[in-house]
Amino acid sequence: MHNGKSASIWNKDFILLLTVNAFVFISMHMLSTTIAKFSMSLSGAEAMAGVVAGIFSVSSIIVRPICGNLIDRKKKKRLYLFSMVVILISMLGYSVSAHNAVLIFFRLLHGVGWGFATTIGMTMAANTAPEEKIGECTSVYGLANVLAMALSPNLGSYLSGNFGYRVMFLGAAVIIGCAVVALSFVKDQPIPLGTQAKKISVNTLILKEAAFPACVLFLNGMAYTSIITFLIAYGETAGIDKPSLFFSVYSVVILVVRLSSGRIVDRKGPGYILVPGGFFFVGCLLLLANLQNAGMLYLAAVFLGFGYSACLSTLMAVSMKRTTPDRRGIASSTINVGVDLGAGIGSSATGILIGWFGYSRMYLFLCIPVILAVLIYLWDQKNYKKLKGIYTEGSPS
């Protein structure tokens, strides 16, 4: 789509898509720390609150392959607007939910919109970038999630605590309304010739070139979700004051890493990010396994920032570069399924491990999937480069 290595990722459509993505993530993270509490206010049951919080990812995982197929065959902007409307209806539905059964329905609906929105948004953003700068594009695009993760939970807690849950849900709906306005100014992207007639099959639902990158994200995502989900409880049991500062430190490091990692991927190859990242990730887990004071906790946050924050954007870039623009929707879908599965299984499996072995040993066990993820990446990239060389000679990518 673009020619010339001097071309920049910063064009009108990319900036608008980045804005839309920020709004989508802000609205989602506003609910991440409050939806379970809202569910408990309706029933008082922690088990039900857990179902309400987690069922969101179920419908998201189911619709992603379907969405990836549709993106490559239909008008992308129209599908993206559809997903925004679905999320908007979900937010409004939360605000009038008086029973958990109704809340679960709208959580499932939200998951459908979320699955579509995050898959389509990444695909459209990658299509706006010069081919040689897809790594930088996916890295910067992911900063929207960083911003949302740093600010939105506090915003959600403030609105729900001072004005009630329904005002918070309506506030999230307004944010999605702003996303719809921003998206309306984005130019639609053409449908590649011949894709409309393709029949639905395994090959049109899953990109095989992205399968192993998705496995890497699944393994790393399991470890990452386990850290995030139980970190505050672990910090408190370890007698550390304000363990939530971990997330502030992590957010700052992510900002630094994301602004540089994409360029490294484009110029040197993904191995220069993923292999050192594996060492930092393991270092984070070892620090947590032997946690004794706040300094170790915050150092673990720094290590996690260098170890995991660029993992998703880097593997997304790998998958996008391995295919053609007419199959980038399927690439985005395949990668995100790995993320969703890792998040869903990780928190559940970790809860079991904590019950059996305690926090410290649990974090030691999590070193295994992280090391395995690095080995799978190296094996997969070596095999892929035997077929098609897409990176510079001599790189560890």
Protein backbone atom coordinates (compact mmCIF):
# COMPACT_ATOMS: atom_id res chain seq x y z
CA MET A 1 0.00 0.00 0.00
CA HIS A 2 2.93 2.31 0.65
CA ASN A 3 6.20 2.82 -1.14
CA GLY A 4 9.46 4.18 0.12
CA LYS A 5 11.21 3.51 3.39
CA SER A 6 10.86 7.14 4.40
CA ALA A 7 7.09 6.69 4.74
CA SER A 8 5.70 7.16 8.24
CA ILE A 9 3.06 5.19 10.13
CA TRP A 10 1.57 8.51 11.26
CA ASN A 11 -1.23 9.14 8.79
CA LYS A 12 -4.79 10.36 9.41
CA ASP A 13 -6.42 6.93 9.37
CA PHE A 14 -3.83 5.38 11.71
CA ILE A 15 -4.24 8.21 14.24
CA LEU A 16 -8.03 7.85 14.12
CA LEU A 17 -7.83 4.06 14.49
CA LEU A 18 -5.41 4.48 17.41
CA THR A 19 -7.96 6.82 19.02
CA VAL A 20 -10.82 4.37 18.46
CA ASN A 21 -8.74 1.56 19.97
CA ALA A 22 -7.97 3.70 23.02
CA PHE A 23 -11.68 4.38 23.58
CA VAL A 24 -12.53 0.67 23.24
CA PHE A 25 -9.87 -0.38 25.76
CA ILE A 26 -10.72 2.44 28.18
CA SER A 27 -14.36 1.36 28.29
CA MET A 28 -13.37 -2.28 28.82
CA HIS A 29 -10.81 -1.62 31.56
CA MET A 30 -13.28 0.65 33.39
CA LEU A 31 -15.28 -2.53 33.99
CA SER A 32 -12.36 -4.88 34.70
CA THR A 33 -12.16 -4.02 38.40
CA THR A 34 -15.85 -3.21 38.95
CA ILE A 35 -18.02 -5.73 37.08
CA ALA A 36 -17.45 -8.49 39.65
CA LYS A 37 -18.35 -6.10 42.48
CA PHE A 38 -21.49 -5.07 40.60
CA SER A 39 -22.46 -8.72 40.19
CA MET A 40 -21.97 -9.31 43.91
CA SER A 41 -24.18 -6.31 44.65
CA LEU A 42 -26.94 -8.14 42.74
CA SER A 43 -26.49 -11.60 44.28
CA GLY A 44 -23.77 -11.47 46.93
CA ALA A 45 -22.23 -14.68 45.55
CA GLU A 46 -18.51 -14.64 44.73
CA ALA A 47 -18.85 -17.71 42.51
CA MET A 48 -21.44 -15.94 40.36
CA ALA A 49 -19.25 -12.83 40.21
CA GLY A 50 -16.41 -14.97 38.89
CA VAL A 51 -18.67 -16.35 36.16
CA VAL A 52 -19.80 -12.84 35.19
CA ALA A 53 -16.21 -11.58 35.01
CA GLY A 54 -14.87 -14.54 33.03
CA ILE A 55 -17.70 -15.38 30.63
CA PHE A 56 -16.86 -12.27 28.64
CA SER A 57 -13.88 -14.08 27.08
CA VAL A 58 -15.92 -17.16 26.10
CA SER A 59 -17.96 -15.44 23.38
CA SER A 60 -14.89 -13.44 22.34
CA ILE A 61 -12.90 -16.62 21.65
CA ILE A 62 -15.80 -18.18 19.73
CA VAL A 63 -16.35 -15.22 17.40
CA ARG A 64 -12.72 -14.35 16.62
CA PRO A 65 -12.17 -16.99 13.87
CA ILE A 66 -15.51 -16.04 12.28
CA CYS A 67 -14.57 -12.38 12.49
CA GLY A 68 -11.13 -12.98 10.96
CA ASN A 69 -12.77 -14.67 8.00
CA LEU A 70 -15.33 -11.90 7.53
CA ILE A 71 -12.74 -9.11 7.76
CA ASP A 72 -10.91 -10.44 4.73
CA ARG A 73 -14.14 -10.82 2.70
CA LYS A 74 -16.34 -7.88 3.74
CA LYS A 75 -16.15 -4.11 4.22
CA LYS A 76 -13.92 -3.62 7.26
CA LYS A 77 -15.28 -0.27 8.40
CA ARG A 78 -18.85 -1.55 8.33
CA LEU A 79 -17.90 -4.54 10.50
CA TYR A 80 -15.98 -2.28 12.89
CA LEU A 81 -19.01 0.02 13.25
CA PHE A 82 -21.16 -3.06 13.88
CA SER A 83 -18.85 -4.11 16.72
CA MET A 84 -19.03 -0.61 18.23
CA VAL A 85 -22.84 -0.73 18.20
CA VAL A 86 -22.79 -4.16 19.88
CA ILE A 87 -20.46 -2.86 22.62
CA LEU A 88 -22.61 0.26 23.04
CA ILE A 89 -25.75 -1.86 23.48
CA SER A 90 -23.87 -3.98 26.04
CA MET A 91 -22.88 -0.92 28.08
CA LEU A 92 -26.45 0.36 28.07
CA GLY A 93 -27.62 -3.14 28.98
CA TYR A 94 -25.30 -3.25 32.00
CA SER A 95 -26.83 -0.01 33.24
CA VAL A 96 -30.33 -1.52 33.42
CA SER A 97 -29.38 -5.01 34.60
CA ALA A 98 -31.10 -5.92 37.84
CA HIS A 99 -30.29 -9.65 37.85
CA ASN A 100 -27.15 -11.64 37.12
CA ALA A 101 -28.89 -13.62 34.36
CA VAL A 102 -29.43 -10.37 32.45
CA LEU A 103 -25.88 -9.24 33.26
CA ILE A 104 -24.43 -12.49 31.88
CA PHE A 105 -26.39 -12.01 28.63
CA PHE A 106 -24.90 -8.57 28.12
CA ARG A 107 -21.42 -9.83 29.10
CA LEU A 108 -21.68 -12.44 26.35
CA LEU A 109 -22.86 -9.75 23.93
CA HIS A 110 -19.97 -7.51 24.99
CA GLY A 111 -17.57 -10.38 24.29
CA VAL A 112 -18.91 -10.64 20.73
CA GLY A 113 -18.37 -6.92 20.16
CA TRP A 114 -14.96 -7.05 21.80
CA GLY A 115 -13.83 -10.03 19.72
CA PHE A 116 -14.82 -8.25 16.52
CA ALA A 117 -13.49 -4.81 17.49
CA THR A 118 -10.01 -5.88 18.61
CA THR A 119 -9.54 -8.17 15.61
CA ILE A 120 -10.74 -5.64 13.03
CA GLY A 121 -8.94 -2.66 14.57
CA MET A 122 -5.51 -4.29 14.46
CA THR A 123 -6.06 -5.47 10.89
CA MET A 124 -7.12 -2.03 9.65
CA ALA A 125 -4.22 -0.36 11.47
CA ALA A 126 -1.67 -2.74 9.94
CA ASN A 127 -3.10 -2.04 6.49
CA THR A 128 -2.42 1.70 6.89
CA ALA A 129 1.30 1.15 7.55
CA PRO A 130 4.20 0.85 5.10
CA GLU A 131 5.12 -2.82 4.71
CA GLU A 132 8.57 -2.28 6.23
CA LYS A 133 7.10 -0.59 9.33
CA ILE A 134 4.41 -3.05 10.40
CA GLY A 135 6.38 -3.86 13.56
CA GLU A 136 6.43 -0.21 14.60
CA CYS A 137 2.74 0.10 13.72
CA THR A 138 1.59 -2.84 15.86
CA SER A 139 3.79 -1.72 18.75
CA VAL A 140 2.49 1.87 18.80
CA TYR A 141 -1.09 0.69 18.23
CA GLY A 142 -0.84 -1.41 21.39
CA LEU A 143 -0.06 1.69 23.46
CA ALA A 144 -3.83 2.32 23.60
CA ASN A 145 -4.12 -0.72 25.87
CA VAL A 146 -1.27 0.59 28.03
CA LEU A 147 -3.00 3.95 28.48
CA ALA A 148 -6.28 2.25 29.30
CA MET A 149 -4.71 -0.20 31.74
CA ALA A 150 -2.98 2.65 33.59
CA LEU A 151 -5.96 5.02 33.85
CA SER A 152 -9.26 3.22 33.36
CA PRO A 153 -9.52 1.01 36.48
CA ASN A 154 -9.18 4.13 38.65
CA LEU A 155 -11.73 5.97 36.52
CA GLY A 156 -14.18 3.08 36.82
CA SER A 157 -13.68 2.82 40.57
CA TYR A 158 -14.12 6.59 40.98
CA LEU A 159 -17.36 6.76 39.00
CA SER A 160 -18.89 3.67 40.60
CA GLY A 161 -17.81 4.70 44.09
CA ASN A 162 -19.04 8.30 43.88
CA PHE A 163 -21.99 8.12 41.49
CA GLY A 164 -22.99 4.45 41.34
CA TYR A 165 -22.48 1.60 38.92
CA ARG A 166 -25.08 2.71 36.41
CA VAL A 167 -23.45 6.11 35.96
CA MET A 168 -20.16 4.31 35.36
CA PHE A 169 -21.75 2.09 32.69
CA LEU A 170 -23.33 5.11 31.00
CA GLY A 171 -19.95 6.87 31.11
CA ALA A 172 -18.40 3.87 29.35
CA ALA A 173 -21.23 4.04 26.78
CA VAL A 174 -20.40 7.71 26.10
CA ILE A 175 -16.77 6.75 25.51
CA ILE A 176 -17.86 4.14 22.96
CA GLY A 177 -20.04 6.81 21.34
CA CYS A 178 -16.88 8.91 20.92
CA ALA A 179 -15.21 5.89 19.31
CA VAL A 180 -18.05 5.66 16.79
CA VAL A 181 -17.61 9.34 15.90
CA ALA A 182 -13.84 8.93 15.40
CA LEU A 183 -14.35 5.78 13.33
CA SER A 184 -16.80 7.54 11.03
CA PHE A 185 -13.91 9.69 9.72
CA VAL A 186 -11.74 6.65 8.82
CA LYS A 187 -11.56 5.78 5.12
CA ASP A 188 -12.86 2.28 4.39
CA GLN A 189 -10.37 -0.27 3.07
CA PRO A 190 -11.00 -2.16 -0.20
CA ILE A 191 -11.85 -5.84 -0.32
CA PRO A 192 -9.10 -7.74 -2.19
CA LEU A 193 -10.32 -9.25 -5.46
CA GLY A 194 -11.37 -12.89 -5.27
CA THR A 195 -11.75 -13.05 -1.49
CA GLN A 196 -15.55 -12.66 -1.52
CA ALA A 197 -15.99 -16.04 -3.23
CA LYS A 198 -13.82 -18.04 -0.81
CA LYS A 199 -15.68 -20.82 1.01
CA ILE A 200 -15.39 -21.06 4.78
CA SER A 201 -12.91 -23.76 5.82
CA VAL A 202 -10.18 -24.34 8.39
CA ASN A 203 -7.76 -22.37 6.20
CA THR A 204 -10.11 -19.38 6.11
CA LEU A 205 -10.63 -19.43 9.89
CA ILE A 206 -7.06 -20.07 11.11
CA LEU A 207 -3.79 -18.82 9.61
CA LYS A 208 -1.37 -21.73 9.93
CA GLU A 209 1.63 -19.37 9.73
CA ALA A 210 0.33 -17.66 12.89
CA ALA A 211 -0.48 -20.86 14.80
CA PHE A 212 2.87 -21.18 16.59
CA PRO A 213 3.11 -17.44 17.38
CA ALA A 214 -0.37 -17.85 18.89
CA CYS A 215 0.93 -20.78 20.97
CA VAL A 216 3.79 -18.60 22.22
CA LEU A 217 1.28 -15.93 23.26
CA PHE A 218 -0.91 -18.57 24.89
CA LEU A 219 1.98 -19.75 27.09
CA ASN A 220 3.24 -16.25 27.91
CA GLY A 221 -0.34 -15.06 28.43
CA MET A 222 -0.95 -17.79 31.00
CA ALA A 223 2.01 -16.58 33.04
CA TYR A 224 1.19 -12.89 32.58
CA THR A 225 -2.47 -13.27 33.59
CA SER A 226 -1.45 -15.27 36.64
CA ILE A 227 0.87 -12.47 37.76
CA ILE A 228 -1.67 -9.70 37.22
CA THR A 229 -4.66 -11.52 38.73
CA PHE A 230 -3.10 -12.46 42.06
CA LEU A 231 -0.35 -9.88 42.49
CA ILE A 232 -2.10 -7.53 44.93
CA ALA A 233 -3.29 -10.40 47.14
CA TYR A 234 0.23 -11.88 47.10
CA GLY A 235 1.83 -8.52 47.90
CA GLU A 236 -0.50 -8.04 50.86
CA THR A 237 0.24 -11.51 52.24
CA ALA A 238 3.95 -10.69 51.91
CA GLY A 239 3.40 -7.59 54.05
CA ILE A 240 4.18 -5.07 51.30
CA ASP A 241 2.54 -1.66 51.53
CA LYS A 242 0.80 -0.42 48.34
CA PRO A 243 1.53 -3.40 46.07
CA SER A 244 -0.68 -1.72 43.44
CA LEU A 245 2.29 0.57 42.63
CA PHE A 246 3.57 -2.47 40.71
CA PHE A 247 1.15 -1.57 37.91
CA SER A 248 2.28 2.06 37.81
CA VAL A 249 5.92 1.01 37.42
CA TYR A 250 4.92 -1.58 34.82
CA SER A 251 2.95 1.00 32.80
CA VAL A 252 5.93 3.40 32.65
CA VAL A 253 8.26 0.62 31.47
CA ILE A 254 5.72 -0.50 28.85
CA LEU A 255 5.61 3.02 27.44
CA VAL A 256 9.38 3.07 27.01
CA VAL A 257 9.55 -0.44 25.56
CA ARG A 258 6.68 -0.06 23.10
CA LEU A 259 8.07 3.16 21.62
CA SER A 260 11.28 1.40 20.63
CA SER A 261 10.48 -2.32 20.25
CA GLY A 262 8.59 -1.99 16.97
CA ARG A 263 11.52 -0.31 15.24
CA ILE A 264 13.86 -3.03 16.50
CA VAL A 265 11.53 -5.69 15.07
CA ASP A 266 11.47 -3.96 11.68
CA ARG A 267 15.22 -3.37 11.51
CA LYS A 268 16.72 -6.36 13.31
CA GLY A 269 13.98 -9.00 13.54
CA PRO A 270 11.63 -10.23 16.30
CA GLY A 271 14.25 -12.45 17.92
CA TYR A 272 16.00 -9.36 19.28
CA ILE A 273 12.85 -8.68 21.34
CA LEU A 274 11.43 -12.12 22.15
CA VAL A 275 14.59 -13.95 23.23
CA PRO A 276 15.87 -11.30 25.70
CA GLY A 277 12.24 -10.80 26.72
CA GLY A 278 12.07 -14.44 27.81
CA PHE A 279 15.05 -13.93 30.15
CA PHE A 280 13.48 -10.81 31.67
CA PHE A 281 10.15 -12.61 32.08
CA VAL A 282 11.79 -15.49 33.94
CA GLY A 283 13.68 -12.95 36.04
CA CYS A 284 10.38 -11.35 37.02
CA LEU A 285 8.95 -14.71 38.09
CA LEU A 286 12.06 -15.58 40.12
CA LEU A 287 11.86 -12.24 41.93
CA LEU A 288 8.20 -12.85 42.75
CA ALA A 289 8.92 -16.40 43.90
CA ASN A 290 11.46 -15.04 46.39
CA LEU A 291 9.63 -11.81 47.25
CA GLN A 292 10.83 -10.15 50.46
CA ASN A 293 10.29 -6.40 50.09
CA ALA A 294 8.77 -3.63 47.97
CA GLY A 295 12.02 -3.06 46.07
CA MET A 296 11.95 -6.61 44.73
CA LEU A 297 8.30 -6.19 43.74
CA TYR A 298 8.94 -3.00 41.76
CA LEU A 299 12.04 -4.53 40.13
CA ALA A 300 9.82 -7.44 39.10
CA ALA A 301 7.50 -4.89 37.46
CA VAL A 302 10.46 -3.50 35.47
CA PHE A 303 11.46 -7.01 34.38
CA LEU A 304 7.88 -7.82 33.39
CA GLY A 305 7.74 -4.64 31.32
CA PHE A 306 10.84 -5.67 29.38
CA GLY A 307 9.81 -9.33 29.33
CA TYR A 308 6.19 -9.32 28.23
CA SER A 309 4.99 -5.89 27.08
CA ALA A 310 6.34 -6.18 23.53
CA CYS A 311 5.45 -9.85 23.15
CA LEU A 312 1.94 -9.36 21.71
CA SER A 313 2.84 -6.56 19.29
CA THR A 314 5.98 -8.38 18.12
CA LEU A 315 4.21 -11.67 17.41
CA MET A 316 1.36 -9.78 15.76
CA ALA A 317 3.93 -8.16 13.47
CA VAL A 318 5.50 -11.57 12.76
CA SER A 319 2.11 -12.97 11.74
CA MET A 320 1.18 -9.94 9.64
CA LYS A 321 4.50 -10.14 7.77
CA ARG A 322 4.02 -13.85 7.12
CA THR A 323 0.86 -13.33 5.11
CA THR A 324 -0.69 -11.05 2.50
CA PRO A 325 -2.99 -8.09 3.24
CA ASP A 326 -6.04 -10.09 2.17
CA ARG A 327 -5.45 -12.56 5.04
CA ARG A 328 -4.44 -10.20 7.82
CA GLY A 329 -7.88 -10.48 9.42
CA ILE A 330 -7.34 -14.20 9.92
CA ALA A 331 -3.82 -13.51 11.23
CA SER A 332 -5.16 -11.05 13.80
CA SER A 333 -7.91 -13.48 14.81
CA THR A 334 -5.51 -16.42 15.25
CA ILE A 335 -3.13 -14.39 17.41
CA ASN A 336 -5.91 -12.99 19.60
CA VAL A 337 -7.40 -16.44 20.20
CA GLY A 338 -4.05 -17.43 21.69
CA VAL A 339 -4.15 -14.35 23.94
CA ASP A 340 -7.74 -15.02 25.06
CA LEU A 341 -7.11 -18.70 25.79
CA GLY A 342 -3.98 -17.87 27.77
CA ALA A 343 -5.86 -15.31 29.84
CA GLY A 344 -8.83 -17.60 30.46
CA ILE A 345 -6.90 -20.74 31.33
CA GLY A 346 -4.07 -18.96 33.13
CA SER A 347 -6.09 -17.45 35.95
CA SER A 348 -8.05 -20.68 36.54
CA ALA A 349 -4.98 -22.93 36.51
CA THR A 350 -3.05 -20.55 38.74
CA GLY A 351 -5.82 -20.53 41.33
CA ILE A 352 -5.46 -24.32 41.55
CA LEU A 353 -1.66 -24.11 41.80
CA ILE A 354 -1.87 -21.56 44.61
CA GLY A 355 -4.19 -23.86 46.53
CA TRP A 356 -1.79 -26.75 46.14
CA PHE A 357 1.62 -25.12 46.50
CA GLY A 358 1.24 -21.48 47.59
CA TYR A 359 2.25 -18.29 45.80
CA SER A 360 6.03 -18.70 45.76
CA ARG A 361 6.11 -22.15 44.20
CA MET A 362 3.36 -21.13 41.79
CA TYR A 363 5.57 -18.40 40.36
CA LEU A 364 8.41 -20.90 40.03
CA PHE A 365 6.14 -23.26 38.07
CA LEU A 366 5.23 -20.40 35.72
CA CYS A 367 8.86 -20.24 34.54
CA ILE A 368 8.18 -23.47 32.62
CA PRO A 369 5.63 -22.07 30.10
CA VAL A 370 7.75 -18.93 29.59
CA ILE A 371 10.89 -20.94 28.77
CA LEU A 372 8.83 -23.28 26.58
CA ALA A 373 7.42 -20.25 24.73
CA VAL A 374 10.92 -19.04 23.79
CA LEU A 375 11.93 -22.51 22.59
CA ILE A 376 8.77 -22.84 20.47
CA TYR A 377 9.37 -19.42 18.94
CA LEU A 378 12.98 -20.27 18.00
CA TRP A 379 11.97 -23.64 16.55
CA ASP A 380 9.06 -22.21 14.57
CA GLN A 381 11.02 -19.26 13.18
CA LYS A 382 13.91 -21.50 12.15
CA ASN A 383 11.55 -23.81 10.27
CA TYR A 384 9.70 -20.91 8.68
CA LYS A 385 12.90 -19.26 7.45
CA LYS A 386 13.82 -22.48 5.66
CA LEU A 387 10.74 -21.94 3.52
CA LYS A 388 10.69 -18.15 3.15
CA GLY A 389 13.32 -15.66 4.34
CA ILE A 390 11.61 -12.45 5.39
CA TYR A 391 14.20 -11.03 7.78
CA THR A 392 17.81 -9.93 7.37
CA GLU A 393 20.53 -12.54 7.26
CA GLY A 394 22.42 -13.09 10.47
CA SER A 395 19.59 -12.03 12.79
CA PRO A 396 18.38 -14.36 15.54
CA SER A 397 14.82 -13.83 14.32
